[in-house]
PDB file of N, CA and C in Angstrom:
ATOM      1  N   MET A   1      32.448  26.106 -25.277  1.00  0.00           N
ATOM      2  CA  MET A   1      31.622  24.997 -24.854  1.00  0.00           C
ATOM      3  C   MET A   1      31.174  25.255 -23.417  1.00  0.00           C
ATOM      4  N   THR A   2      29.882  25.197 -23.187  1.00  0.00           N
ATOM      5  CA  THR A   2      29.368  25.436 -21.841  1.00  0.00           C
ATOM      6  C   THR A   2      29.145  24.110 -21.129  1.00  0.00           C
ATOM      7  N   PRO A   3      29.554  24.041 -19.885  1.00  0.00           N
ATOM      8  CA  PRO A   3      29.326  22.782 -19.158  1.00  0.00           C
ATOM      9  C   PRO A   3      27.830  22.570 -18.925  1.00  0.00           C
ATOM     10  N   SER A   4      27.419  21.361 -19.085  1.00  0.00           N
ATOM     11  CA  SER A   4      26.000  21.067 -18.877  1.00  0.00           C
ATOM     12  C   SER A   4      25.749  20.826 -17.391  1.00  0.00           C
ATOM     13  N   GLN A   5      24.690  21.417 -16.924  1.00  0.00           N
ATOM     14  CA  GLN A   5      24.336  21.234 -15.532  1.00  0.00           C
ATOM     15  C   GLN A   5      23.224  20.192 -15.448  1.00  0.00           C
ATOM     16  N   PRO A   6      23.304  19.363 -14.446  1.00  0.00           N
ATOM     17  CA  PRO A   6      22.243  18.350 -14.319  1.00  0.00           C
ATOM     18  C   PRO A   6      20.909  19.016 -14.037  1.00  0.00           C
ATOM     19  N   SER A   7      19.915  18.484 -14.602  1.00  0.00           N
ATOM     20  CA  SER A   7      18.569  19.003 -14.391  1.00  0.00           C
ATOM     21  C   SER A   7      18.174  18.818 -12.937  1.00  0.00           C
ATOM     22  N   GLN A   8      17.729  19.879 -12.310  1.00  0.00           N
ATOM     23  CA  GLN A   8      17.357  19.787 -10.915  1.00  0.00           C
ATOM     24  C   GLN A   8      15.849  19.920 -10.726  1.00  0.00           C
ATOM     25  N   SER A   9      15.123  19.565 -11.732  1.00  0.00           N
ATOM     26  CA  SER A   9      13.674  19.630 -11.585  1.00  0.00           C
ATOM     27  C   SER A   9      13.241  18.524 -10.628  1.00  0.00           C
ATOM     28  N   PRO A  10      12.506  18.878  -9.607  1.00  0.00           N
ATOM     29  CA  PRO A  10      12.089  17.862  -8.635  1.00  0.00           C
ATOM     30  C   PRO A  10      11.112  16.890  -9.263  1.00  0.00           C
ATOM     31  N   GLN A  11      11.329  15.645  -8.971  1.00  0.00           N
ATOM     32  CA  GLN A  11      10.423  14.624  -9.472  1.00  0.00           C
ATOM     33  C   GLN A  11       9.320  14.462  -8.437  1.00  0.00           C
ATOM     34  N   LYS A  12       8.163  14.932  -8.783  1.00  0.00           N
ATOM     35  CA  LYS A  12       7.046  14.825  -7.859  1.00  0.00           C
ATOM     36  C   LYS A  12       6.459  13.429  -7.958  1.00  0.00           C
ATOM     37  N   GLN A  13       6.396  12.810  -6.813  1.00  0.00           N
ATOM     38  CA  GLN A  13       5.780  11.495  -6.769  1.00  0.00           C
ATOM     39  C   GLN A  13       4.321  11.687  -6.394  1.00  0.00           C
ATOM     40  N   THR A  14       3.472  11.286  -7.301  1.00  0.00           N
ATOM     41  CA  THR A  14       2.057  11.423  -7.016  1.00  0.00           C
ATOM     42  C   THR A  14       1.638  10.269  -6.124  1.00  0.00           C
ATOM     43  N   VAL A  15       0.946  10.593  -5.078  1.00  0.00           N
ATOM     44  CA  VAL A  15       0.474   9.578  -4.160  1.00  0.00           C
ATOM     45  C   VAL A  15      -0.839   9.038  -4.703  1.00  0.00           C
ATOM     46  N   PRO A  16      -0.874   7.736  -4.972  1.00  0.00           N
ATOM     47  CA  PRO A  16      -2.118   7.182  -5.483  1.00  0.00           C
ATOM     48  C   PRO A  16      -3.186   7.207  -4.394  1.00  0.00           C
ATOM     49  N   PRO A  17      -4.441   7.229  -4.798  1.00  0.00           N
ATOM     50  CA  PRO A  17      -5.493   7.208  -3.782  1.00  0.00           C
ATOM     51  C   PRO A  17      -5.362   5.953  -2.924  1.00  0.00           C
ATOM     52  N   ALA A  18      -5.729   6.066  -1.677  1.00  0.00           N
ATOM     53  CA  ALA A  18      -5.600   4.940  -0.754  1.00  0.00           C
ATOM     54  C   ALA A  18      -6.432   3.758  -1.239  1.00  0.00           C
ATOM     55  N   CYS A  19      -5.773   2.635  -1.391  1.00  0.00           N
ATOM     56  CA  CYS A  19      -6.452   1.422  -1.828  1.00  0.00           C
ATOM     57  C   CYS A  19      -6.864   0.640  -0.586  1.00  0.00           C
ATOM     58  N   LYS A  20      -8.063   0.168  -0.567  1.00  0.00           N
ATOM     59  CA  LYS A  20      -8.567  -0.607   0.573  1.00  0.00           C
ATOM     60  C   LYS A  20      -8.316  -2.097   0.366  1.00  0.00           C
ATOM     61  N   HIS A  21      -7.631  -2.452  -0.718  1.00  0.00           N
ATOM     62  CA  HIS A  21      -7.285  -3.835  -1.052  1.00  0.00           C
ATOM     63  C   HIS A  21      -8.524  -4.755  -1.027  1.00  0.00           C
ATOM     64  N   PRO A  22      -9.504  -4.446  -1.867  1.00  0.00           N
ATOM     65  CA  PRO A  22     -10.732  -5.247  -1.853  1.00  0.00           C
ATOM     66  C   PRO A  22     -10.563  -6.653  -2.420  1.00  0.00           C
ATOM     67  N   ARG A  23      -9.587  -6.831  -3.302  1.00  0.00           N
ATOM     68  CA  ARG A  23      -9.354  -8.158  -3.884  1.00  0.00           C
ATOM     69  C   ARG A  23      -7.888  -8.507  -3.739  1.00  0.00           C
ATOM     70  N   VAL A  24      -7.610  -9.608  -3.040  1.00  0.00           N
ATOM     71  CA  VAL A  24      -6.232 -10.046  -2.865  1.00  0.00           C
ATOM     72  C   VAL A  24      -6.096 -11.504  -3.279  1.00  0.00           C
ATOM     73  N   GLU A  25      -4.872 -11.866  -3.595  1.00  0.00           N
ATOM     74  CA  GLU A  25      -4.567 -13.238  -3.984  1.00  0.00           C
ATOM     75  C   GLU A  25      -3.312 -13.667  -3.246  1.00  0.00           C
ATOM     76  N   ILE A  26      -3.317 -14.881  -2.732  1.00  0.00           N
ATOM     77  CA  ILE A  26      -2.145 -15.400  -2.037  1.00  0.00           C
ATOM     78  C   ILE A  26      -1.039 -15.622  -3.055  1.00  0.00           C
ATOM     79  N   VAL A  27       0.156 -15.083  -2.763  1.00  0.00           N
ATOM     80  CA  VAL A  27       1.274 -15.255  -3.689  1.00  0.00           C
ATOM     81  C   VAL A  27       2.314 -16.234  -3.149  1.00  0.00           C
ATOM     82  N   THR A  28       2.440 -16.332  -1.833  1.00  0.00           N
ATOM     83  CA  THR A  28       3.378 -17.297  -1.265  1.00  0.00           C
ATOM     84  C   THR A  28       3.053 -17.540   0.200  1.00  0.00           C
ATOM     85  N   ARG A  29       3.421 -18.709   0.668  1.00  0.00           N
ATOM     86  CA  ARG A  29       3.234 -19.086   2.074  1.00  0.00           C
ATOM     87  C   ARG A  29       4.509 -19.743   2.564  1.00  0.00           C
ATOM     88  N   ASP A  30       4.785 -19.534   3.847  1.00  0.00           N
ATOM     89  CA  ASP A  30       5.824 -20.319   4.490  1.00  0.00           C
ATOM     90  C   ASP A  30       5.294 -20.716   5.859  1.00  0.00           C
ATOM     91  N   GLU A  31       6.137 -21.290   6.695  1.00  0.00           N
ATOM     92  CA  GLU A  31       5.671 -21.784   7.985  1.00  0.00           C
ATOM     93  C   GLU A  31       5.139 -20.674   8.887  1.00  0.00           C
ATOM     94  N   GLU A  32       5.682 -19.477   8.757  1.00  0.00           N
ATOM     95  CA  GLU A  32       5.343 -18.402   9.685  1.00  0.00           C
ATOM     96  C   GLU A  32       4.419 -17.339   9.108  1.00  0.00           C
ATOM     97  N   SER A  33       4.344 -17.218   7.808  1.00  0.00           N
ATOM     98  CA  SER A  33       3.554 -16.123   7.256  1.00  0.00           C
ATOM     99  C   SER A  33       2.980 -16.469   5.890  1.00  0.00           C
ATOM    100  N   GLU A  34       2.053 -15.634   5.483  1.00  0.00           N
ATOM    101  CA  GLU A  34       1.387 -15.786   4.196  1.00  0.00           C
ATOM    102  C   GLU A  34       1.385 -14.408   3.541  1.00  0.00           C
ATOM    103  N   TYR A  35       1.802 -14.338   2.303  1.00  0.00           N
ATOM    104  CA  TYR A  35       1.865 -13.068   1.593  1.00  0.00           C
ATOM    105  C   TYR A  35       0.785 -13.019   0.533  1.00  0.00           C
ATOM    106  N   VAL A  36       0.144 -11.862   0.432  1.00  0.00           N
ATOM    107  CA  VAL A  36      -0.914 -11.664  -0.548  1.00  0.00           C
ATOM    108  C   VAL A  36      -0.591 -10.462  -1.417  1.00  0.00           C
ATOM    109  N   GLU A  37      -1.163 -10.453  -2.607  1.00  0.00           N
ATOM    110  CA  GLU A  37      -1.005  -9.328  -3.531  1.00  0.00           C
ATOM    111  C   GLU A  37      -2.378  -8.747  -3.815  1.00  0.00           C
ATOM    112  N   CYS A  38      -2.474  -7.429  -3.714  1.00  0.00           N
ATOM    113  CA  CYS A  38      -3.715  -6.746  -4.039  1.00  0.00           C
ATOM    114  C   CYS A  38      -3.880  -6.739  -5.552  1.00  0.00           C
ATOM    115  N   LYS A  39      -5.021  -7.176  -6.013  1.00  0.00           N
ATOM    116  CA  LYS A  39      -5.284  -7.213  -7.455  1.00  0.00           C
ATOM    117  C   LYS A  39      -5.611  -5.829  -8.007  1.00  0.00           C
ATOM    118  N   GLU A  40      -5.894  -4.872  -7.134  1.00  0.00           N
ATOM    119  CA  GLU A  40      -6.212  -3.518  -7.574  1.00  0.00           C
ATOM    120  C   GLU A  40      -4.954  -2.670  -7.750  1.00  0.00           C
ATOM    121  N   CYS A  41      -4.082  -2.655  -6.705  1.00  0.00           N
ATOM    122  CA  CYS A  41      -2.925  -1.751  -6.745  1.00  0.00           C
ATOM    123  C   CYS A  41      -1.595  -2.485  -6.909  1.00  0.00           C
ATOM    124  N   GLY A  42      -1.579  -3.813  -6.753  1.00  0.00           N
ATOM    125  CA  GLY A  42      -0.356  -4.575  -6.956  1.00  0.00           C
ATOM    126  C   GLY A  42       0.542  -4.664  -5.737  1.00  0.00           C
ATOM    127  N   GLU A  43       0.154  -4.070  -4.613  1.00  0.00           N
ATOM    128  CA  GLU A  43       0.981  -4.116  -3.408  1.00  0.00           C
ATOM    129  C   GLU A  43       1.007  -5.528  -2.844  1.00  0.00           C
ATOM    130  N   VAL A  44       2.191  -5.968  -2.399  1.00  0.00           N
ATOM    131  CA  VAL A  44       2.347  -7.269  -1.777  1.00  0.00           C
ATOM    132  C   VAL A  44       2.652  -7.047  -0.300  1.00  0.00           C
ATOM    133  N   PHE A  45       1.945  -7.769   0.554  1.00  0.00           N
ATOM    134  CA  PHE A  45       2.133  -7.612   1.996  1.00  0.00           C
ATOM    135  C   PHE A  45       1.679  -8.869   2.706  1.00  0.00           C
ATOM    136  N   GLU A  46       1.993  -8.951   4.005  1.00  0.00           N
ATOM    137  CA  GLU A  46       1.587 -10.108   4.787  1.00  0.00           C
ATOM    138  C   GLU A  46       0.083 -10.089   4.996  1.00  0.00           C
ATOM    139  N   ALA A  47      -0.517 -11.250   4.976  1.00  0.00           N
ATOM    140  CA  ALA A  47      -1.966 -11.349   5.123  1.00  0.00           C
ATOM    141  C   ALA A  47      -2.423 -10.771   6.454  1.00  0.00           C
ATOM    142  N   ARG A  48      -1.624 -10.929   7.497  1.00  0.00           N
ATOM    143  CA  ARG A  48      -2.057 -10.395   8.798  1.00  0.00           C
ATOM    144  C   ARG A  48      -2.100  -8.870   8.775  1.00  0.00           C
ATOM    145  N   GLU A  49      -1.331  -8.235   7.888  1.00  0.00           N
ATOM    146  CA  GLU A  49      -1.406  -6.783   7.751  1.00  0.00           C
ATOM    147  C   GLU A  49      -2.781  -6.371   7.229  1.00  0.00           C
ATOM    148  N   LEU A  50      -3.362  -7.177   6.361  1.00  0.00           N
ATOM    149  CA  LEU A  50      -4.687  -6.890   5.832  1.00  0.00           C
ATOM    150  C   LEU A  50      -5.702  -6.896   6.968  1.00  0.00           C
ATOM    151  N   LYS A  51      -5.560  -7.851   7.877  1.00  0.00           N
ATOM    152  CA  LYS A  51      -6.453  -7.911   9.034  1.00  0.00           C
ATOM    153  C   LYS A  51      -6.254  -6.674   9.902  1.00  0.00           C
ATOM    154  N   ASP A  52      -4.999  -6.271  10.102  1.00  0.00           N
ATOM    155  CA  ASP A  52      -4.715  -5.075  10.898  1.00  0.00           C
ATOM    156  C   ASP A  52      -5.311  -3.837  10.255  1.00  0.00           C
ATOM    157  N   MET A  53      -5.244  -3.755   8.913  1.00  0.00           N
ATOM    158  CA  MET A  53      -5.814  -2.615   8.199  1.00  0.00           C
ATOM    159  C   MET A  53      -7.325  -2.561   8.408  1.00  0.00           C
ATOM    160  N   ALA A  54      -7.973  -3.718   8.393  1.00  0.00           N
ATOM    161  CA  ALA A  54      -9.425  -3.763   8.580  1.00  0.00           C
ATOM    162  C   ALA A  54      -9.792  -3.310   9.984  1.00  0.00           C
ATOM    163  N   ILE A  55      -9.019  -3.729  10.978  1.00  0.00           N
ATOM    164  CA  ILE A  55      -9.274  -3.318  12.361  1.00  0.00           C
ATOM    165  C   ILE A  55      -9.105  -1.813  12.498  1.00  0.00           C
ATOM    166  N   GLU A  56      -8.035  -1.273  11.914  1.00  0.00           N
ATOM    167  CA  GLU A  56      -7.773   0.163  11.987  1.00  0.00           C
ATOM    168  C   GLU A  56      -8.877   0.953  11.290  1.00  0.00           C
ATOM    169  N   GLU A  57      -9.349   0.471  10.166  1.00  0.00           N
ATOM    170  CA  GLU A  57     -10.434   1.136   9.432  1.00  0.00           C
ATOM    171  C   GLU A  57     -11.696   1.154  10.278  1.00  0.00           C
ATOM    172  N   GLN A  58     -11.969   0.045  10.946  1.00  0.00           N
ATOM    173  CA  GLN A  58     -13.154  -0.043  11.786  1.00  0.00           C
ATOM    174  C   GLN A  58     -13.062   0.947  12.951  1.00  0.00           C
ATOM    175  N   ARG A  59     -11.897   1.053  13.571  1.00  0.00           N
ATOM    176  CA  ARG A  59     -11.709   2.010  14.662  1.00  0.00           C
ATOM    177  C   ARG A  59     -11.904   3.436  14.179  1.00  0.00           C
ATOM    178  N   THR A  60     -11.377   3.756  13.014  1.00  0.00           N
ATOM    179  CA  THR A  60     -11.502   5.102  12.456  1.00  0.00           C
ATOM    180  C   THR A  60     -12.971   5.442  12.212  1.00  0.00           C
ATOM    181  N   GLN A  61     -13.719   4.506  11.685  1.00  0.00           N
ATOM    182  CA  GLN A  61     -15.137   4.746  11.430  1.00  0.00           C
ATOM    183  C   GLN A  61     -15.900   4.951  12.726  1.00  0.00           C
ATOM    184  N   GLU A  62     -15.558   4.198  13.772  1.00  0.00           N
ATOM    185  CA  GLU A  62     -16.240   4.336  15.062  1.00  0.00           C
ATOM    186  C   GLU A  62     -15.916   5.709  15.680  1.00  0.00           C
ATOM    187  N   GLU A  63     -14.676   6.165  15.532  1.00  0.00           N
ATOM    188  CA  GLU A  63     -14.295   7.461  16.076  1.00  0.00           C
ATOM    189  C   GLU A  63     -15.004   8.604  15.354  1.00  0.00           C
ATOM    190  N   GLU A  64     -15.220   8.443  14.048  1.00  0.00           N
ATOM    191  CA  GLU A  64     -15.895   9.478  13.271  1.00  0.00           C
ATOM    192  C   GLU A  64     -17.361   9.591  13.666  1.00  0.00           C
ATOM    193  N   LYS A  65     -17.950   8.518  14.114  1.00  0.00           N
ATOM    194  CA  LYS A  65     -19.372   8.520  14.515  1.00  0.00           C
ATOM    195  C   LYS A  65     -19.572   9.251  15.842  1.00  0.00           C
ATOM    196  N   GLU A  66     -18.556   9.276  16.677  1.00  0.00           N
ATOM    197  CA  GLU A  66     -18.679   9.898  18.005  1.00  0.00           C
ATOM    198  C   GLU A  66     -18.687  11.385  17.942  1.00  0.00           C
TER     199      GLU A  66
END
């Protein structure tokens, strides 16, 4: 009887294309924050993060123009 060795094949995690979160829905609110879910990719995050992402995208586009 030969001992079985665990499979060591690496599990490659495919990185999905970057989602710009074009459609979001509010999933919960509390006194300090509001959480939204992207209807495209399913990611849940704070609504203010969406605003930060938009600002960062705008900066990146301005830098590319220079």
